[in-house]
Protein backbone atom coordinates (compact mmCIF):
# COMPACT_ATOMS: atom_id res chain seq x y z
CA MET A 1 102.36 97.05 98.07
CA THR A 2 99.40 99.38 99.89
CA SER A 3 99.22 102.64 98.59
CA PRO A 4 99.52 105.61 101.37
CA ARG A 5 96.40 106.80 100.84
CA PHE A 6 94.65 103.65 101.67
CA ILE A 7 96.78 103.32 104.64
CA GLU A 8 95.29 106.87 106.03
CA ASP A 9 91.59 106.24 104.71
CA LEU A 10 91.97 103.01 106.70
CA ASN A 11 93.43 104.51 110.30
CA MET A 12 91.08 107.86 109.56
CA ASN A 13 87.92 106.89 108.76
CA HIS A 14 87.16 103.03 109.39
CA GLU A 15 86.57 101.39 112.43
CA ILE A 16 87.80 97.86 112.36
CA LYS A 17 87.55 94.67 114.59
CA SER A 18 90.66 93.80 116.90
CA LEU A 19 92.12 90.57 118.42
CA ASP A 20 94.25 91.58 121.24
CA LEU A 21 96.54 88.75 121.70
CA HIS A 22 98.61 90.43 125.13
CA GLY A 23 98.44 87.52 127.83
CA GLU A 24 97.63 84.75 125.53
CA ARG A 25 99.70 82.03 125.41
CA HIS A 26 102.00 81.44 122.19
CA GLU A 27 99.63 77.71 122.19
CA LYS A 28 96.11 79.73 122.14
CA ALA A 29 97.04 82.34 120.26
CA ARG A 30 97.93 80.15 116.82
CA SER A 31 93.97 79.22 117.34
CA LEU A 32 92.25 82.48 118.44
CA VAL A 33 94.34 83.82 115.66
CA GLU A 34 93.11 81.26 112.70
CA LYS A 35 89.34 81.70 114.39
CA PHE A 36 89.72 84.99 113.91
CA PHE A 37 90.76 84.87 110.24
CA TYR A 38 87.73 82.23 109.44
CA VAL A 39 85.20 84.88 111.35
CA GLU A 40 86.11 88.32 110.74
CA GLU A 41 86.68 89.85 106.85
CA PRO A 42 89.17 92.03 106.32
CA PRO A 43 90.11 94.84 106.99
CA PHE A 44 91.37 93.90 110.72
CA GLU A 45 93.72 94.58 113.39
CA VAL A 46 95.65 91.79 115.18
CA ILE A 47 97.45 92.87 118.17
CA THR A 48 100.59 91.11 119.02
CA GLY A 49 102.82 93.02 121.10
CA ASN A 50 106.28 92.85 121.12
CA SER A 51 106.18 88.68 120.56
CA VAL A 52 108.83 87.84 117.80
CA VAL A 53 106.67 84.68 117.46
CA MET A 54 103.16 86.05 117.42
CA MET A 55 104.31 88.39 114.84
CA GLY A 56 105.53 85.30 113.18
CA MET A 57 102.29 83.10 113.76
CA VAL A 58 100.54 86.09 111.85
CA ASN A 59 102.71 86.16 108.93
CA ASP A 60 102.38 82.58 108.66
CA LEU A 61 98.95 83.02 108.53
CA CYS A 62 98.45 85.65 106.09
CA ARG A 63 100.19 83.65 103.80
CA GLU A 64 98.03 80.63 104.37
CA PHE A 65 95.18 82.56 104.01
CA GLU A 66 96.54 84.86 101.27
CA TYR A 67 96.29 88.05 102.89
CA ASP A 68 98.27 90.92 103.34
CA SER A 69 99.31 92.94 106.38
CA PHE A 70 101.27 96.10 107.42
CA HIS A 71 102.12 97.71 110.91
CA ARG A 72 99.57 100.51 111.78
CA HIS A 73 102.56 102.49 112.70
CA PRO A 74 106.09 102.52 111.84
CA ASN A 75 106.72 103.31 115.34
CA ASN A 76 104.22 100.50 116.65
CA LEU A 77 105.12 96.51 115.28
CA GLY A 78 102.83 94.98 117.96
CA SER A 79 99.55 95.80 116.01
CA VAL A 80 99.32 94.26 112.24
CA ILE A 81 96.35 95.50 110.11
CA ILE A 82 95.18 92.88 107.75
CA ILE A 83 93.93 93.00 104.24
CA GLU A 84 92.59 91.68 101.50
CA GLY A 85 95.57 89.94 99.13
CA LEU A 86 96.04 92.45 96.54
């Protein structure tokens, strides 16, 4: 479980890379996210929007890469922060 202090520090003090999937087709999105996971080092953000399919795909890739994730804000489930597995 990620500590609240870490989340506060991450949100307040760090610029992180992000991948915005708005407008991308589901078929292309998986390869974009997978490539992003290979190229970038956590922490980074993936913006899925409200697509349940995109959210599930990001969660699946987190498991494959042994990363942890959390939502940037409880009122915005379409923005996922990816961190190293704890």
